[in-house]
Protein backbone atom coordinates (compact mmCIF):
# COMPACT_ATOMS: atom_id res chain seq x y z
CA MET A 1 2.08 21.08 14.45
CA ALA A 2 -1.03 18.93 14.20
CA THR A 3 -1.43 16.25 11.55
CA LYS A 4 -4.35 14.25 10.20
CA VAL A 5 -4.71 10.48 10.29
CA SER A 6 -7.74 8.95 8.63
CA ILE A 7 -9.30 5.72 9.86
CA VAL A 8 -11.67 3.94 7.48
CA ASN A 9 -13.67 0.79 8.16
CA ILE A 10 -13.42 -1.38 5.06
CA LYS A 11 -16.78 -2.95 5.86
CA ASP A 12 -18.46 0.42 5.25
CA PHE A 13 -17.53 0.20 1.55
CA ASN A 14 -18.29 -2.17 -1.30
CA THR A 15 -14.61 -2.75 -2.08
CA ASP A 16 -11.17 -2.23 -0.54
CA LYS A 17 -10.44 0.12 -3.44
CA GLU A 18 -13.25 2.47 -2.42
CA ALA A 19 -12.08 2.43 1.21
CA ILE A 20 -8.51 3.29 0.22
CA ILE A 21 -9.60 6.19 -1.99
CA GLU A 22 -11.72 7.57 0.84
CA ALA A 23 -8.86 7.22 3.35
CA ILE A 24 -6.53 9.25 1.11
CA LYS A 25 -9.12 11.91 0.31
CA LEU A 26 -9.72 12.49 4.00
CA ILE A 27 -6.10 13.61 4.50
CA GLU A 28 -5.49 15.45 1.18
CA LYS A 29 -5.53 18.83 2.92
CA ASP A 30 -2.38 17.77 4.80
CA PHE A 31 -0.45 17.46 1.53
CA SER A 32 2.35 20.03 1.40
CA PHE A 33 2.63 19.46 -2.35
CA ASP A 34 0.52 19.54 -5.50
CA ILE A 35 0.36 15.96 -6.71
CA HIS A 36 -0.08 17.17 -10.29
CA ASP A 37 3.38 18.77 -10.20
CA CYS A 38 5.06 15.46 -9.31
CA LYS A 39 6.79 14.06 -12.39
CA LYS A 40 8.21 10.89 -10.85
CA ILE A 41 5.97 9.10 -8.35
CA LEU A 42 7.30 6.00 -6.57
CA LEU A 43 5.06 3.43 -4.88
CA LYS A 44 6.89 1.67 -2.03
CA PRO A 45 5.11 -1.56 -1.01
CA ASN A 46 6.42 -4.23 1.35
CA LEU A 47 7.62 -7.13 -0.81
CA LEU A 48 9.40 -9.16 1.84
CA ARG A 49 9.15 -12.62 0.30
CA ALA A 50 6.85 -14.65 -1.95
CA THR A 51 4.32 -15.28 0.80
CA GLU A 52 1.04 -13.48 0.30
CA ASN A 53 0.42 -12.51 3.93
CA ALA A 54 3.97 -11.18 4.37
CA CYS A 55 3.55 -8.52 1.67
CA THR A 56 1.47 -5.51 0.76
CA ARG A 57 -1.86 -6.80 -0.54
CA PRO A 58 -2.64 -6.35 -4.27
CA GLU A 59 -5.83 -4.54 -3.25
CA ILE A 60 -3.75 -1.74 -1.69
CA ILE A 61 -1.89 -1.26 -4.96
CA GLU A 62 -5.19 -1.21 -6.86
CA GLY A 63 -6.63 1.37 -4.46
CA VAL A 64 -3.67 3.74 -4.75
CA ILE A 65 -3.68 3.38 -8.54
CA ALA A 66 -7.42 4.15 -8.58
CA TYR A 67 -6.82 7.29 -6.50
CA LEU A 68 -4.05 8.47 -8.85
CA THR A 69 -6.28 7.75 -11.85
CA GLN A 70 -9.07 9.86 -10.33
CA GLU A 71 -6.53 12.67 -9.98
CA ASN A 72 -5.69 12.32 -13.71
CA ILE A 73 -2.09 11.31 -12.98
CA SER A 74 -0.39 9.79 -16.01
CA MET A 75 0.87 6.28 -15.24
CA GLU A 76 3.94 7.14 -17.32
CA ASN A 77 5.07 9.10 -14.25
CA VAL A 78 4.47 6.25 -11.78
CA TYR A 79 7.00 3.61 -10.69
CA ILE A 80 6.90 0.83 -8.10
CA GLY A 81 9.79 -0.93 -6.41
CA ASP A 82 11.27 -2.49 -3.29
CA SER A 83 14.21 -4.47 -1.96
CA PRO A 84 13.04 -7.82 -0.53
CA GLY A 85 14.52 -9.66 2.41
CA GLN A 86 14.50 -13.03 0.63
CA ILE A 87 17.82 -14.40 -0.55
CA ASN A 88 18.49 -14.74 -4.31
CA THR A 89 15.38 -12.96 -5.57
CA PHE A 90 14.12 -9.57 -6.72
CA ALA A 91 10.99 -7.57 -6.01
CA THR A 92 9.62 -8.37 -9.47
CA ASN A 93 9.81 -12.12 -8.75
CA ILE A 94 7.79 -11.69 -5.57
CA ALA A 95 5.31 -9.31 -7.21
CA LYS A 96 4.61 -11.84 -9.97
CA LYS A 97 3.88 -14.59 -7.47
CA ILE A 98 1.45 -12.59 -5.34
CA GLY A 99 -0.44 -10.84 -8.14
CA ILE A 100 1.00 -7.31 -7.91
CA PHE A 101 3.16 -7.30 -11.03
CA GLU A 102 0.21 -8.02 -13.32
CA ILE A 103 -1.79 -5.14 -11.81
CA CYS A 104 1.08 -2.70 -12.37
CA GLU A 105 1.79 -3.97 -15.87
CA GLU A 106 -1.86 -3.55 -16.87
CA ALA A 107 -1.89 -0.01 -15.47
CA GLY A 108 1.33 0.91 -17.28
CA ILE A 109 3.39 1.34 -14.12
CA LYS A 110 7.10 0.56 -14.39
CA PHE A 111 8.61 -1.91 -11.91
CA VAL A 112 12.06 -1.18 -10.49
CA ASP A 113 14.27 -3.72 -8.71
CA PHE A 114 16.37 -1.62 -6.34
CA GLU A 115 19.19 -4.19 -6.44
CA ARG A 116 19.64 -3.79 -10.20
CA GLU A 117 20.72 -0.14 -9.91
CA VAL A 118 23.83 1.36 -8.39
CA PRO A 119 22.78 2.96 -5.06
CA VAL A 120 23.39 6.61 -4.19
CA ASN A 121 25.86 7.49 -1.44
CA ASP A 122 24.37 10.15 0.83
CA VAL A 123 24.66 11.72 4.27
CA ILE A 124 22.08 11.64 7.07
CA ASP A 125 22.24 14.74 9.23
CA GLY A 126 22.55 13.75 12.89
CA ALA A 127 22.94 10.03 12.16
CA VAL A 128 23.66 7.88 15.19
CA LYS A 129 24.58 4.64 13.38
CA LEU A 130 24.36 5.10 9.60
CA LYS A 131 27.34 7.39 9.09
CA ASP A 132 28.05 6.06 5.58
CA TYR A 133 24.64 5.71 3.95
CA TYR A 134 23.44 4.32 0.63
CA VAL A 135 19.92 4.52 -0.77
CA SER A 136 18.26 3.23 -3.93
CA LYS A 137 18.68 5.52 -6.91
CA ILE A 138 14.99 5.90 -7.80
CA VAL A 139 14.11 6.68 -4.17
CA LYS A 140 16.60 9.53 -4.29
CA GLU A 141 15.23 10.73 -7.64
CA CYS A 142 11.46 10.53 -7.07
CA ASP A 143 9.54 13.68 -6.15
CA LEU A 144 6.61 11.87 -4.51
CA LEU A 145 7.00 8.77 -2.34
CA ILE A 146 3.87 6.75 -1.54
CA ASN A 147 4.45 4.32 1.33
CA MET A 148 2.23 1.19 1.44
CA PRO A 149 3.03 -0.96 4.50
CA ARG A 150 0.91 -3.39 6.47
CA LEU A 151 1.01 -3.75 10.24
CA LYS A 152 2.86 -6.88 11.42
CA THR A 153 4.79 -8.04 14.42
CA HIS A 154 8.54 -8.23 13.89
CA GLY A 155 10.89 -10.57 15.76
CA GLU A 156 13.69 -8.02 15.71
CA ALA A 157 12.00 -4.59 15.62
CA THR A 158 8.87 -5.54 17.66
CA ILE A 159 6.55 -4.20 14.95
CA THR A 160 6.79 -3.16 11.32
CA GLY A 161 4.53 -0.43 10.01
CA ALA A 162 4.80 2.99 8.39
CA ILE A 163 8.33 3.83 9.63
CA LYS A 164 9.90 0.37 9.35
CA ASN A 165 8.67 -0.11 5.76
CA TYR A 166 11.26 2.43 4.58
CA TRP A 167 13.99 -0.07 5.49
CA GLY A 168 13.34 -1.44 2.00
CA ILE A 169 14.67 1.71 0.29
CA ILE A 170 18.16 0.31 0.94
CA PRO A 171 19.26 -2.35 -1.60
CA GLY A 172 19.49 -5.86 -0.10
CA GLY A 173 23.24 -6.36 0.29
CA LEU A 174 23.72 -2.98 1.92
CA LYS A 175 20.66 -3.50 4.09
CA ALA A 176 22.28 -6.65 5.43
CA LYS A 177 25.50 -4.75 6.10
CA PHE A 178 23.62 -2.02 7.99
CA HIS A 179 21.99 -4.71 10.10
CA LEU A 180 25.38 -5.28 11.68
CA LEU A 181 25.20 -1.82 13.24
CA GLY A 182 22.15 -2.87 15.24
CA LYS A 183 23.18 -5.87 17.32
CA THR A 184 20.54 -5.24 20.01
CA PRO A 185 16.91 -4.11 19.68
CA LEU A 186 17.84 -0.63 20.95
CA GLN A 187 20.74 -0.32 18.51
CA PHE A 188 18.64 -1.58 15.62
CA GLY A 189 15.99 0.96 16.61
CA GLU A 190 18.61 3.69 16.16
CA VAL A 191 19.55 2.27 12.74
CA LEU A 192 15.91 2.33 11.65
CA ALA A 193 15.52 5.86 13.01
CA ASP A 194 18.60 6.98 11.04
CA ASN A 195 17.12 5.55 7.86
CA PHE A 196 13.81 7.29 8.55
CA ALA A 197 15.66 10.54 9.25
CA TRP A 198 17.01 10.40 5.69
CA VAL A 199 13.43 10.08 4.41
CA VAL A 200 12.27 13.07 6.46
CA GLN A 201 15.24 15.17 5.36
CA ASN A 202 15.08 14.28 1.66
CA LYS A 203 11.51 13.29 0.77
CA PRO A 204 9.11 16.03 1.98
CA ASN A 205 6.53 14.96 -0.61
CA ARG A 206 5.13 11.69 0.68
CA PHE A 207 2.10 10.02 2.19
CA THR A 208 1.30 6.59 3.60
CA VAL A 209 -1.56 4.13 3.25
CA LEU A 210 -1.27 1.70 6.19
CA ASP A 211 -3.12 -1.59 5.75
CA LEU A 212 -4.84 -2.92 8.87
CA LYS A 213 -7.28 -5.27 7.19
CA LYS A 214 -5.49 -8.41 8.41
CA VAL A 215 -2.80 -7.76 11.01
CA MET A 216 -0.01 -10.26 11.65
CA TYR A 217 0.53 -11.34 15.27
CA GLY A 218 3.04 -13.48 17.15
CA THR A 219 6.71 -14.35 17.14
CA MET A 220 6.78 -15.49 13.50
CA GLY A 221 6.10 -11.98 12.20
CA PRO A 222 6.84 -10.39 9.78
CA VAL A 223 6.85 -13.54 7.63
CA SER A 224 4.22 -16.06 8.69
CA GLY A 225 2.51 -15.18 11.95
CA PRO A 226 -1.23 -15.71 12.55
CA LEU A 227 -3.56 -13.03 11.18
CA LYS A 228 -6.32 -11.13 12.98
CA ASP A 229 -9.11 -9.23 11.24
CA TRP A 230 -9.05 -5.49 11.96
CA ASN A 231 -10.70 -4.41 8.68
CA LEU A 232 -9.23 -0.91 8.79
CA ILE A 233 -7.27 1.37 6.46
CA LEU A 234 -5.24 4.30 7.78
CA ALA A 235 -3.75 7.15 5.78
CA GLY A 236 -1.64 10.18 6.65
CA THR A 237 1.50 12.19 5.97
CA ASP A 238 3.20 11.64 9.34
CA GLU A 239 4.48 8.07 9.73
CA LEU A 240 5.08 8.34 13.46
CA ALA A 241 1.47 9.46 13.94
CA LEU A 242 0.24 6.55 11.82
CA ASP A 243 2.23 3.95 13.77
CA LEU A 244 1.14 5.41 17.11
CA ILE A 245 -2.53 5.49 16.10
CA ALA A 246 -2.35 1.93 14.73
CA LEU A 247 -0.84 0.66 17.97
CA GLU A 248 -3.28 2.71 20.04
CA ILE A 249 -6.13 1.01 18.17
CA GLY A 250 -4.57 -2.32 19.17
CA LYS A 251 -4.24 -1.21 22.79
CA PHE A 252 -0.43 -1.29 22.66
CA ASN A 253 1.94 1.48 23.80
CA GLY A 254 4.38 2.03 20.93
CA LEU A 255 6.38 4.79 22.63
CA ALA A 256 7.08 2.59 25.62
CA HIS A 257 7.87 -0.68 23.88
CA VAL A 258 9.07 -0.15 20.25
CA PRO A 259 12.73 1.00 20.04
CA HIS A 260 12.60 2.65 16.61
CA ILE A 261 9.38 4.50 17.47
CA LYS A 262 10.93 5.78 20.71
CA SER A 263 14.04 6.93 18.83
CA VAL A 264 12.07 8.63 16.06
CA HIS A 265 9.93 10.40 18.66
CA SER A 266 12.92 11.53 20.73
CA ARG A 267 14.56 13.00 17.61
CA GLY A 268 11.44 15.01 16.77
CA LEU A 269 10.95 13.25 13.43
CA GLY A 270 7.18 13.32 13.66
CA ILE A 271 4.24 14.26 15.81
CA GLN A 272 5.13 14.61 19.49
CA SER A 273 1.78 13.95 21.15
CA LEU A 274 -1.33 11.90 20.42
CA ASP A 275 -3.27 15.06 21.29
CA ASP A 276 -1.81 16.69 18.17
CA ILE A 277 -3.24 14.02 15.86
CA ASP A 278 -6.53 14.96 14.23
CA VAL A 279 -8.27 11.63 13.61
CA VAL A 280 -10.78 11.86 10.75
CA GLY A 281 -13.25 9.31 9.42
CA LEU A 282 -13.89 6.61 12.01
CA SER A 283 -13.12 7.84 15.53
CA LEU A 284 -10.27 6.33 17.53
CA GLU A 285 -12.75 5.14 20.16
CA GLU A 286 -14.91 3.38 17.55
CA ALA A 287 -11.87 1.75 15.97
CA LYS A 288 -10.66 0.44 19.34
CA LYS A 289 -14.05 -1.10 20.08
CA ILE A 290 -14.01 -3.28 16.94
CA THR A 291 -10.34 -4.29 17.14
CA PRO A 292 -8.75 -7.15 19.11
CA LYS A 293 -5.72 -6.46 21.29
CA PHE A 294 -2.41 -6.46 19.41
CA LYS A 295 0.07 -9.04 20.76
CA VAL A 296 3.77 -8.60 19.96
CA PRO A 297 6.98 -10.59 20.63
CA GLY A 298 8.52 -10.25 24.09
CA LYS A 299 11.82 -8.49 24.76
CA SER A 300 13.82 -11.73 24.99
CA MET A 301 12.62 -12.69 21.52
CA THR A 302 13.64 -9.36 19.98
CA ARG A 303 17.09 -9.50 21.61
CA PHE A 304 17.71 -12.99 20.20
CA ALA A 305 16.46 -12.01 16.73
CA SER A 306 18.71 -8.93 16.62
CA MET A 307 21.77 -11.02 17.49
CA ILE A 308 21.05 -13.71 14.90
CA THR A 309 19.43 -11.82 12.02
CA GLY A 310 22.04 -9.15 11.43
CA ARG A 311 25.20 -11.21 11.39
CA ILE A 312 23.92 -14.36 9.70
CA PHE A 313 21.79 -12.52 7.13
CA TYR A 314 24.70 -10.31 6.15
CA LYS A 315 27.16 -13.18 5.84
CA VAL A 316 24.79 -15.15 3.60
CA THR A 317 23.49 -12.35 1.36
CA LYS A 318 26.63 -10.30 0.81
CA ARG A 319 27.31 -10.09 -2.91
CA ILE A 320 30.93 -10.38 -4.00
CA PRO A 321 32.11 -8.72 -7.23
CA THR A 322 33.91 -11.43 -9.20
CA LEU A 323 36.35 -10.63 -11.99
CA ASN A 324 36.24 -12.42 -15.35
CA LYS A 325 39.86 -12.07 -16.45
CA LYS A 326 39.01 -13.12 -20.00
CA LEU A 327 36.94 -9.97 -20.41
CA CYS A 328 38.94 -7.58 -18.22
CA GLN A 329 40.98 -5.00 -20.19
CA LYS A 330 42.90 -3.70 -17.12
CA CYS A 331 41.54 -0.18 -17.54
CA GLY A 332 41.27 0.54 -13.81
CA LEU A 333 37.89 2.25 -14.04
CA CYS A 334 36.48 -0.06 -11.36
CA ALA A 335 39.12 1.11 -8.86
CA GLU A 336 38.40 4.75 -9.68
CA ILE A 337 34.65 4.38 -9.12
CA CYS A 338 34.76 2.27 -5.93
CA PRO A 339 33.33 4.42 -3.08
CA ALA A 340 34.86 2.17 -0.40
CA ASN A 341 38.37 2.17 -1.95
CA ALA A 342 38.20 -1.62 -1.86
CA ILE A 343 39.90 -2.23 -5.22
CA ASN A 344 43.66 -2.04 -5.63
CA PHE A 345 44.88 -1.39 -9.17
CA GLU A 346 48.27 -1.01 -10.82
CA LYS A 347 48.57 -0.18 -14.51
CA GLY A 348 49.00 -3.29 -16.62
CA SER A 349 47.69 -5.62 -13.88
CA TYR A 350 44.30 -7.05 -12.99
CA PRO A 351 42.39 -5.24 -10.22
CA GLU A 352 42.50 -6.88 -6.80
CA TYR A 353 39.59 -6.77 -4.31
CA ASN A 354 39.92 -6.08 -0.60
CA ARG A 355 36.99 -8.20 0.54
CA LYS A 356 36.93 -6.75 4.05
CA LYS A 357 36.46 -3.21 2.72
CA CYS A 358 33.95 -4.14 -0.01
CA ILE A 359 30.44 -2.88 0.80
CA SER A 360 28.72 -4.82 -2.02
CA CYS A 361 27.39 -1.67 -3.72
CA LEU A 362 28.45 -3.09 -7.14
CA CYS A 363 29.42 0.31 -8.51
CA CYS A 364 32.40 -1.44 -10.12
CA MET A 365 30.11 -3.78 -12.03
CA GLU A 366 27.99 -0.89 -13.29
CA ALA A 367 31.02 1.13 -14.36
CA CYS A 368 32.88 -1.67 -16.19
CA PRO A 369 32.56 -1.03 -19.96
CA TYR A 370 33.59 -4.62 -20.72
CA GLN A 371 31.11 -6.40 -18.45
CA ALA A 372 34.03 -8.16 -16.80
CA ILE A 373 32.63 -7.99 -13.26
CA ILE A 374 29.93 -10.41 -12.15
CA PRO A 375 28.16 -10.28 -8.76
CA LYS A 376 27.89 -13.55 -6.86
CA LYS A 377 26.10 -14.06 -3.56
CA ARG A 378 28.16 -16.03 -1.08
CA GLY A 379 25.23 -18.11 0.11
CA PHE A 380 25.69 -20.25 3.18
CA LYS A 381 29.43 -20.56 2.49
CA GLY A 382 29.60 -16.96 3.67
CA LEU A 383 29.01 -18.13 7.24
CA PHE A 384 32.62 -19.32 7.27
CA HIS A 385 34.17 -16.03 6.09
CA SER A 386 35.47 -13.38 8.48
CA TYR A 387 34.43 -10.52 6.16
């Protein structure tokens, strides 16, 4: 089936906000849902770390809020959240530093730190790598998911855009664990495709606003690479189509060179041909004329990043449930709730943790009625542990 992707030149409007509203309105007819029936709407930005150019721009948040306001959507029904890649921080900390938290607070939108909630254990039909999957609770619960990525190079995944931005629906510690399943660029591409498959299977009500105003280039992406002005906003309901069109604008073949895009395409998780994409607004030819060529990391760089990022990041960020014996009442509830069966318990004794089996979901901490379990990140000492 065909899908619409809108391309809007920001320079044709007085503000970014106006451009974003127009981009969304151009693809409204592709919505398979009535936005007014959605009682819990989740905005999913990219809040990677407290570096302005590494994150979704505040202007994108403002534009989406303005669109929802025009549609008379009550902000009581709107939430925003993410799981950052930065160690020892939460999405709210990053949002405050880059000016997003204040915008949401003023609008009455509730901020959710995915790490502060117990994740939901779920199954991905046809998963290649993520056989035992966990996703943030509010992502599972929301009935409209609005994806707000920006296009950047990525040392491990080649690029990050509409599809890759959903990697943040997995809470940080588990995200690091899942990284271990993708030790090469091709394997990590399958992991990302599995994660996206869950989105397709469980979140039919969604759309994406893809920010191409300033695109990150080079081997330092997605954190601090050089920026190039594209001055474009894209919107659509098919993330594969959006990523392909964005890369086509930059004269780069995503199907040939981006592992997760190739995997998503081969699984039929989106549009199968550029010919089936109905580009509205600015034409693809016009967009290509005003856009510089997109330069991405080479294959040797992505192989090295995959090897290093997964194992080291996981070892450093894994959170260990730590028992406070002064508060523990030896009730055994933690052992009952543990989805990984990583807690051994005998009546009258303190629970004991099997660190190798622990998946850092922190369900035990949430379930403990005595607040006797405290999560502690291993930090760089974790590099010396075998688990």
